Each structure stands twice: as structure tokens, then as C-alpha cells.
Amino acid sequence: MKTLKLRYQGTKKKHTLSLNDVNENLDDATVRAAMNEIKEAALIQKDNEVYYVKPLSANYTETIVTPIFDDTEVTVEE
């Protein structure tokens, strides 16, 4: 599964917005436009800081999980 990570400069520090289950074929213009819409909305604020002030970068991150064991489906017989 890939995650789209959108990196922004906030009014105090940098923040990352991570989105799961996204279209993996988004182009630069589409992602920039979406990031600018998020910026313009200025919805996320905490402790006198606006989180998404200036778009910095965007990338897909893929996590590969290699199981060692998984006992979640094991039932105990009585």
C-alpha cells in the first residue's frame, strides 16, 4: 500500500499530511493544486499555529511488511 505524503511549512514548523489509499497516478499539477486548496482552507490550527501554510513537497511512500509470525487467527480449543 502506498501513502501520499504532503509536506508543508507551517507558521512555526514543518508538518506532513499523510493520505492512505490514494490514486497512485497523480501528476505534479494535480497534487500542487490540491495542496494549494488545503493551504487556502487553513483548517488545521493548534496553539496559535497554522499547519499548512506553504506546500514544500509531495511523495509516495510504500511500506513493505514482512511477517515473522501472525497468531491473530489462532483459536484456543477448550
PDB file of N, CA and C in Angstrom:
ATOM      1  N   MET A   1       0.844  -1.176   0.000  1.00  0.00           N
ATOM      2  CA  MET A   1       0.000   0.000   0.000  1.00  0.00           C
ATOM      3  C   MET A   1       0.888   1.238   0.000  1.00  0.00           C
ATOM      4  N   LYS A   2       0.540   2.186  -0.830  1.00  0.00           N
ATOM      5  CA  LYS A   2       1.287   3.434  -0.886  1.00  0.00           C
ATOM      6  C   LYS A   2       0.537   4.526  -0.148  1.00  0.00           C
ATOM      7  N   THR A   3       1.307   5.427   0.440  1.00  0.00           N
ATOM      8  CA  THR A   3       0.782   6.577   1.150  1.00  0.00           C
ATOM      9  C   THR A   3       1.279   7.831   0.440  1.00  0.00           C
ATOM     10  N   LEU A   4       0.401   8.800   0.251  1.00  0.00           N
ATOM     11  CA  LEU A   4       0.796  10.081  -0.315  1.00  0.00           C
ATOM     12  C   LEU A   4       1.129  11.001   0.845  1.00  0.00           C
ATOM     13  N   LYS A   5       2.363  11.483   0.883  1.00  0.00           N
ATOM     14  CA  LYS A   5       2.800  12.370   1.961  1.00  0.00           C
ATOM     15  C   LYS A   5       2.964  13.773   1.414  1.00  0.00           C
ATOM     16  N   LEU A   6       2.211  14.698   1.986  1.00  0.00           N
ATOM     17  CA  LEU A   6       2.243  16.099   1.589  1.00  0.00           C
ATOM     18  C   LEU A   6       2.957  16.881   2.685  1.00  0.00           C
ATOM     19  N   ARG A   7       4.060  17.514   2.326  1.00  0.00           N
ATOM     20  CA  ARG A   7       4.894  18.232   3.306  1.00  0.00           C
ATOM     21  C   ARG A   7       4.646  19.730   3.166  1.00  0.00           C
ATOM     22  N   TYR A   8       4.380  20.377   4.291  1.00  0.00           N
ATOM     23  CA  TYR A   8       4.089  21.810   4.326  1.00  0.00           C
ATOM     24  C   TYR A   8       4.975  22.520   5.354  1.00  0.00           C
ATOM     25  N   GLN A   9       5.174  23.804   5.123  1.00  0.00           N
ATOM     26  CA  GLN A   9       5.749  24.670   6.142  1.00  0.00           C
ATOM     27  C   GLN A   9       4.582  25.300   6.871  1.00  0.00           C
ATOM     28  N   GLY A  10       4.572  25.187   8.187  1.00  0.00           N
ATOM     29  CA  GLY A  10       3.560  25.850   8.993  1.00  0.00           C
ATOM     30  C   GLY A  10       4.092  27.201   9.429  1.00  0.00           C
ATOM     31  N   THR A  11       3.331  27.912  10.243  1.00  0.00           N
ATOM     32  CA  THR A  11       3.804  29.214  10.713  1.00  0.00           C
ATOM     33  C   THR A  11       4.943  29.078  11.713  1.00  0.00           C
ATOM     34  N   LYS A  12       5.105  27.882  12.322  1.00  0.00           N
ATOM     35  CA  LYS A  12       6.196  27.666  13.279  1.00  0.00           C
ATOM     36  C   LYS A  12       7.143  26.558  12.856  1.00  0.00           C
ATOM     37  N   LYS A  13       6.623  25.466  12.292  1.00  0.00           N
ATOM     38  CA  LYS A  13       7.479  24.335  11.908  1.00  0.00           C
ATOM     39  C   LYS A  13       6.873  23.581  10.738  1.00  0.00           C
ATOM     40  N   LYS A  14       7.565  22.540  10.273  1.00  0.00           N
ATOM     41  CA  LYS A  14       7.098  21.746   9.136  1.00  0.00           C
ATOM     42  C   LYS A  14       6.126  20.663   9.608  1.00  0.00           C
ATOM     43  N   HIS A  15       5.163  20.346   8.724  1.00  0.00           N
ATOM     44  CA  HIS A  15       4.155  19.336   9.023  1.00  0.00           C
ATOM     45  C   HIS A  15       3.942  18.445   7.804  1.00  0.00           C
ATOM     46  N   THR A  16       3.564  17.193   8.062  1.00  0.00           N
ATOM     47  CA  THR A  16       3.273  16.247   6.988  1.00  0.00           C
ATOM     48  C   THR A  16       1.842  15.761   7.109  1.00  0.00           C
ATOM     49  N   LEU A  17       1.131  15.812   6.004  1.00  0.00           N
ATOM     50  CA  LEU A  17      -0.223  15.274   5.911  1.00  0.00           C
ATOM     51  C   LEU A  17      -0.112  13.974   5.126  1.00  0.00           C
ATOM     52  N   SER A  18      -0.476  12.859   5.738  1.00  0.00           N
ATOM     53  CA  SER A  18      -0.366  11.542   5.104  1.00  0.00           C
ATOM     54  C   SER A  18      -1.747  11.034   4.726  1.00  0.00           C
ATOM     55  N   LEU A  19      -1.881  10.601   3.460  1.00  0.00           N
ATOM     56  CA  LEU A  19      -3.152  10.111   2.941  1.00  0.00           C
ATOM     57  C   LEU A  19      -2.979   8.689   2.443  1.00  0.00           C
ATOM     58  N   ASN A  20      -3.834   7.783   2.916  1.00  0.00           N
ATOM     59  CA  ASN A  20      -3.782   6.379   2.513  1.00  0.00           C
ATOM     60  C   ASN A  20      -4.754   6.102   1.376  1.00  0.00           C
ATOM     61  N   ASP A  21      -4.514   4.996   0.668  1.00  0.00           N
ATOM     62  CA  ASP A  21      -5.410   4.523  -0.392  1.00  0.00           C
ATOM     63  C   ASP A  21      -5.711   5.611  -1.430  1.00  0.00           C
ATOM     64  N   VAL A  22      -4.660   6.219  -1.954  1.00  0.00           N
ATOM     65  CA  VAL A  22      -4.812   7.299  -2.922  1.00  0.00           C
ATOM     66  C   VAL A  22      -4.537   6.799  -4.340  1.00  0.00           C
ATOM     67  N   ASN A  23      -4.949   7.589  -5.290  1.00  0.00           N
ATOM     68  CA  ASN A  23      -4.625   7.336  -6.693  1.00  0.00           C
ATOM     69  C   ASN A  23      -3.106   7.435  -6.843  1.00  0.00           C
ATOM     70  N   GLU A  24      -2.487   6.418  -7.381  1.00  0.00           N
ATOM     71  CA  GLU A  24      -1.030   6.381  -7.497  1.00  0.00           C
ATOM     72  C   GLU A  24      -0.527   6.987  -8.800  1.00  0.00           C
ATOM     73  N   ASN A  25      -1.407   7.580  -9.584  1.00  0.00           N
ATOM     74  CA  ASN A  25      -1.017   8.157 -10.871  1.00  0.00           C
ATOM     75  C   ASN A  25      -1.251   9.659 -10.933  1.00  0.00           C
ATOM     76  N   LEU A  26      -1.184  10.329  -9.808  1.00  0.00           N
ATOM     77  CA  LEU A  26      -1.399  11.777  -9.784  1.00  0.00           C
ATOM     78  C   LEU A  26      -0.175  12.490 -10.357  1.00  0.00           C
ATOM     79  N   ASP A  27      -0.423  13.541 -11.133  1.00  0.00           N
ATOM     80  CA  ASP A  27       0.702  14.296 -11.676  1.00  0.00           C
ATOM     81  C   ASP A  27       1.001  15.510 -10.807  1.00  0.00           C
ATOM     82  N   ASP A  28       2.103  16.152 -11.126  1.00  0.00           N
ATOM     83  CA  ASP A  28       2.593  17.307 -10.377  1.00  0.00           C
ATOM     84  C   ASP A  28       1.536  18.406 -10.256  1.00  0.00           C
ATOM     85  N   ALA A  29       0.916  18.761 -11.367  1.00  0.00           N
ATOM     86  CA  ALA A  29      -0.066  19.857 -11.373  1.00  0.00           C
ATOM     87  C   ALA A  29      -1.271  19.542 -10.494  1.00  0.00           C
ATOM     88  N   THR A  30      -1.737  18.307 -10.526  1.00  0.00           N
ATOM     89  CA  THR A  30      -2.900  17.903  -9.731  1.00  0.00           C
ATOM     90  C   THR A  30      -2.583  17.966  -8.248  1.00  0.00           C
ATOM     91  N   VAL A  31      -1.420  17.444  -7.862  1.00  0.00           N
ATOM     92  CA  VAL A  31      -1.044  17.436  -6.450  1.00  0.00           C
ATOM     93  C   VAL A  31      -0.794  18.857  -5.956  1.00  0.00           C
ATOM     94  N   ARG A  32      -0.123  19.671  -6.750  1.00  0.00           N
ATOM     95  CA  ARG A  32       0.112  21.072  -6.358  1.00  0.00           C
ATOM     96  C   ARG A  32      -1.203  21.815  -6.165  1.00  0.00           C
ATOM     97  N   ALA A  33      -2.149  21.599  -7.077  1.00  0.00           N
ATOM     98  CA  ALA A  33      -3.447  22.271  -6.967  1.00  0.00           C
ATOM     99  C   ALA A  33      -4.177  21.842  -5.691  1.00  0.00           C
ATOM    100  N   ALA A  34      -4.144  20.556  -5.395  1.00  0.00           N
ATOM    101  CA  ALA A  34      -4.802  20.057  -4.175  1.00  0.00           C
ATOM    102  C   ALA A  34      -4.122  20.618  -2.931  1.00  0.00           C
ATOM    103  N   MET A  35      -2.789  20.658  -2.952  1.00  0.00           N
ATOM    104  CA  MET A  35      -2.061  21.193  -1.801  1.00  0.00           C
ATOM    105  C   MET A  35      -2.371  22.677  -1.591  1.00  0.00           C
ATOM    106  N   ASN A  36      -2.521  23.405  -2.671  1.00  0.00           N
ATOM    107  CA  ASN A  36      -2.866  24.823  -2.557  1.00  0.00           C
ATOM    108  C   ASN A  36      -4.282  25.019  -2.024  1.00  0.00           C
ATOM    109  N   GLU A  37      -5.196  24.135  -2.405  1.00  0.00           N
ATOM    110  CA  GLU A  37      -6.555  24.211  -1.863  1.00  0.00           C
ATOM    111  C   GLU A  37      -6.547  23.962  -0.359  1.00  0.00           C
ATOM    112  N   ILE A  38      -5.755  22.990   0.082  1.00  0.00           N
ATOM    113  CA  ILE A  38      -5.635  22.707   1.521  1.00  0.00           C
ATOM    114  C   ILE A  38      -5.051  23.922   2.232  1.00  0.00           C
ATOM    115  N   LYS A  39      -4.030  24.520   1.617  1.00  0.00           N
ATOM    116  CA  LYS A  39      -3.397  25.711   2.190  1.00  0.00           C
ATOM    117  C   LYS A  39      -4.415  26.841   2.338  1.00  0.00           C
ATOM    118  N   GLU A  40      -5.167  27.097   1.285  1.00  0.00           N
ATOM    119  CA  GLU A  40      -6.140  28.193   1.289  1.00  0.00           C
ATOM    120  C   GLU A  40      -7.241  27.974   2.328  1.00  0.00           C
ATOM    121  N   ALA A  41      -7.598  26.742   2.594  1.00  0.00           N
ATOM    122  CA  ALA A  41      -8.646  26.448   3.572  1.00  0.00           C
ATOM    123  C   ALA A  41      -8.207  26.788   4.994  1.00  0.00           C
ATOM    124  N   ALA A  42      -6.919  26.659   5.279  1.00  0.00           N
ATOM    125  CA  ALA A  42      -6.351  26.973   6.602  1.00  0.00           C
ATOM    126  C   ALA A  42      -7.188  26.370   7.735  1.00  0.00           C
ATOM    127  N   LEU A  43      -7.590  25.122   7.572  1.00  0.00           N
ATOM    128  CA  LEU A  43      -8.470  24.483   8.544  1.00  0.00           C
ATOM    129  C   LEU A  43      -7.752  23.997   9.799  1.00  0.00           C
ATOM    130  N   ILE A  44      -6.514  23.565   9.662  1.00  0.00           N
ATOM    131  CA  ILE A  44      -5.816  22.958  10.783  1.00  0.00           C
ATOM    132  C   ILE A  44      -4.967  24.001  11.499  1.00  0.00           C
ATOM    133  N   GLN A  45      -5.365  24.305  12.729  1.00  0.00           N
ATOM    134  CA  GLN A  45      -4.632  25.249  13.563  1.00  0.00           C
ATOM    135  C   GLN A  45      -4.609  24.724  14.990  1.00  0.00           C
ATOM    136  N   LYS A  46      -3.457  24.907  15.650  1.00  0.00           N
ATOM    137  CA  LYS A  46      -3.337  24.466  17.025  1.00  0.00           C
ATOM    138  C   LYS A  46      -2.270  25.304  17.711  1.00  0.00           C
ATOM    139  N   ASP A  47      -2.521  25.717  18.916  1.00  0.00           N
ATOM    140  CA  ASP A  47      -1.571  26.505  19.701  1.00  0.00           C
ATOM    141  C   ASP A  47      -1.039  27.699  18.909  1.00  0.00           C
ATOM    142  N   ASN A  48      -1.942  28.450  18.306  1.00  0.00           N
ATOM    143  CA  ASN A  48      -1.604  29.652  17.533  1.00  0.00           C
ATOM    144  C   ASN A  48      -0.699  29.378  16.339  1.00  0.00           C
ATOM    145  N   GLU A  49      -0.759  28.177  15.790  1.00  0.00           N
ATOM    146  CA  GLU A  49       0.000  27.856  14.588  1.00  0.00           C
ATOM    147  C   GLU A  49      -0.939  27.336  13.512  1.00  0.00           C
ATOM    148  N   VAL A  50      -0.784  27.868  12.310  1.00  0.00           N
ATOM    149  CA  VAL A  50      -1.477  27.334  11.144  1.00  0.00           C
ATOM    150  C   VAL A  50      -0.552  26.270  10.571  1.00  0.00           C
ATOM    151  N   TYR A  51      -1.052  25.061  10.375  1.00  0.00           N
ATOM    152  CA  TYR A  51      -0.203  23.939   9.975  1.00  0.00           C
ATOM    153  C   TYR A  51       0.216  23.955   8.509  1.00  0.00           C
ATOM    154  N   TYR A  52      -0.692  24.247   7.597  1.00  0.00           N
ATOM    155  CA  TYR A  52      -0.403  24.086   6.174  1.00  0.00           C
ATOM    156  C   TYR A  52      -0.362  25.440   5.481  1.00  0.00           C
ATOM    157  N   VAL A  53       0.769  26.140   5.609  1.00  0.00           N
ATOM    158  CA  VAL A  53       0.921  27.492   5.081  1.00  0.00           C
ATOM    159  C   VAL A  53       1.544  27.502   3.691  1.00  0.00           C
ATOM    160  N   LYS A  54       2.610  26.707   3.502  1.00  0.00           N
ATOM    161  CA  LYS A  54       3.331  26.704   2.223  1.00  0.00           C
ATOM    162  C   LYS A  54       3.648  25.261   1.817  1.00  0.00           C
ATOM    163  N   PRO A  55       3.135  24.812   0.673  1.00  0.00           N
ATOM    164  CA  PRO A  55       3.485  23.461   0.201  1.00  0.00           C
ATOM    165  C   PRO A  55       4.986  23.354  -0.078  1.00  0.00           C
ATOM    166  N   LEU A  56       5.607  22.289   0.436  1.00  0.00           N
ATOM    167  CA  LEU A  56       7.041  22.081   0.242  1.00  0.00           C
ATOM    168  C   LEU A  56       7.349  20.913  -0.684  1.00  0.00           C
ATOM    169  N   SER A  57       6.670  19.780  -0.484  1.00  0.00           N
ATOM    170  CA  SER A  57       6.953  18.603  -1.295  1.00  0.00           C
ATOM    171  C   SER A  57       5.814  17.603  -1.191  1.00  0.00           C
ATOM    172  N   ALA A  58       5.832  16.651  -2.122  1.00  0.00           N
ATOM    173  CA  ALA A  58       4.850  15.562  -2.110  1.00  0.00           C
ATOM    174  C   ALA A  58       5.543  14.313  -2.629  1.00  0.00           C
ATOM    175  N   ASN A  59       5.246  13.180  -2.002  1.00  0.00           N
ATOM    176  CA  ASN A  59       5.812  11.928  -2.488  1.00  0.00           C
ATOM    177  C   ASN A  59       4.951  10.756  -2.058  1.00  0.00           C
ATOM    178  N   TYR A  60       5.138   9.676  -2.784  1.00  0.00           N
ATOM    179  CA  TYR A  60       4.502   8.411  -2.426  1.00  0.00           C
ATOM    180  C   TYR A  60       5.494   7.638  -1.566  1.00  0.00           C
ATOM    181  N   THR A  61       5.001   7.046  -0.497  1.00  0.00           N
ATOM    182  CA  THR A  61       5.817   6.196   0.359  1.00  0.00           C
ATOM    183  C   THR A  61       5.167   4.819   0.381  1.00  0.00           C
ATOM    184  N   GLU A  62       5.989   3.805   0.190  1.00  0.00           N
ATOM    185  CA  GLU A  62       5.479   2.442   0.197  1.00  0.00           C
ATOM    186  C   GLU A  62       6.080   1.697   1.380  1.00  0.00           C
ATOM    187  N   THR A  63       5.227   1.069   2.165  1.00  0.00           N
ATOM    188  CA  THR A  63       5.674   0.288   3.305  1.00  0.00           C
ATOM    189  C   THR A  63       5.548  -1.188   2.959  1.00  0.00           C
ATOM    190  N   ILE A  64       6.627  -1.895   3.156  1.00  0.00           N
ATOM    191  CA  ILE A  64       6.621  -3.337   2.916  1.00  0.00           C
ATOM    192  C   ILE A  64       6.646  -4.027   4.274  1.00  0.00           C
ATOM    193  N   VAL A  65       5.638  -4.837   4.522  1.00  0.00           N
ATOM    194  CA  VAL A  65       5.539  -5.562   5.785  1.00  0.00           C
ATOM    195  C   VAL A  65       5.961  -7.006   5.532  1.00  0.00           C
ATOM    196  N   THR A  66       6.948  -7.454   6.286  1.00  0.00           N
ATOM    197  CA  THR A  66       7.411  -8.835   6.187  1.00  0.00           C
ATOM    198  C   THR A  66       7.060  -9.538   7.483  1.00  0.00           C
ATOM    199  N   PRO A  67       6.026 -10.378   7.483  1.00  0.00           N
ATOM    200  CA  PRO A  67       5.605 -11.019   8.726  1.00  0.00           C
ATOM    201  C   PRO A  67       6.622 -12.054   9.215  1.00  0.00           C
ATOM    202  N   ILE A  68       6.778 -12.107  10.509  1.00  0.00           N
ATOM    203  CA  ILE A  68       7.598 -13.139  11.149  1.00  0.00           C
ATOM    204  C   ILE A  68       6.671 -14.231  11.658  1.00  0.00           C
ATOM    205  N   PHE A  69       5.586 -13.840  12.318  1.00  0.00           N
ATOM    206  CA  PHE A  69       4.510 -14.756  12.674  1.00  0.00           C
ATOM    207  C   PHE A  69       3.243 -13.948  12.867  1.00  0.00           C
ATOM    208  N   ASP A  70       2.096 -14.629  12.796  1.00  0.00           N
ATOM    209  CA  ASP A  70       0.810 -13.968  12.957  1.00  0.00           C
ATOM    210  C   ASP A  70      -0.156 -14.942  13.615  1.00  0.00           C
ATOM    211  N   ASP A  71      -0.390 -14.756  14.890  1.00  0.00           N
ATOM    212  CA  ASP A  71      -1.278 -15.623  15.644  1.00  0.00           C
ATOM    213  C   ASP A  71      -2.673 -15.020  15.817  1.00  0.00           C
ATOM    214  N   THR A  72      -3.013 -14.021  15.052  1.00  0.00           N
ATOM    215  CA  THR A  72      -4.304 -13.366  15.245  1.00  0.00           C
ATOM    216  C   THR A  72      -5.482 -14.262  14.916  1.00  0.00           C
ATOM    217  N   GLU A  73      -5.309 -15.261  14.073  1.00  0.00           N
ATOM    218  CA  GLU A  73      -6.396 -16.141  13.693  1.00  0.00           C
ATOM    219  C   GLU A  73      -6.408 -17.450  14.478  1.00  0.00           C
ATOM    220  N   VAL A  74      -5.500 -17.625  15.393  1.00  0.00           N
ATOM    221  CA  VAL A  74      -5.420 -18.868  16.172  1.00  0.00           C
ATOM    222  C   VAL A  74      -6.511 -18.862  17.228  1.00  0.00           C
ATOM    223  N   THR A  75      -7.277 -19.933  17.298  1.00  0.00           N
ATOM    224  CA  THR A  75      -8.303 -20.059  18.321  1.00  0.00           C
ATOM    225  C   THR A  75      -7.872 -21.119  19.323  1.00  0.00           C
ATOM    226  N   VAL A  76      -8.214 -20.880  20.535  1.00  0.00           N
ATOM    227  CA  VAL A  76      -7.851 -21.822  21.602  1.00  0.00           C
ATOM    228  C   VAL A  76      -9.016 -22.795  21.776  1.00  0.00           C
ATOM    229  N   GLU A  77      -8.694 -24.099  21.683  1.00  0.00           N
ATOM    230  CA  GLU A  77      -9.738 -25.105  21.841  1.00  0.00           C
ATOM    231  C   GLU A  77      -9.855 -25.442  23.330  1.00  0.00           C
ATOM    232  N   GLU A  78     -11.102 -25.580  23.748  1.00  0.00           N
ATOM    233  CA  GLU A  78     -11.332 -25.916  25.167  1.00  0.00           C
ATOM    234  C   GLU A  78     -11.696 -27.346  25.351  1.00  0.00           C
TER     235      GLU A  78
END
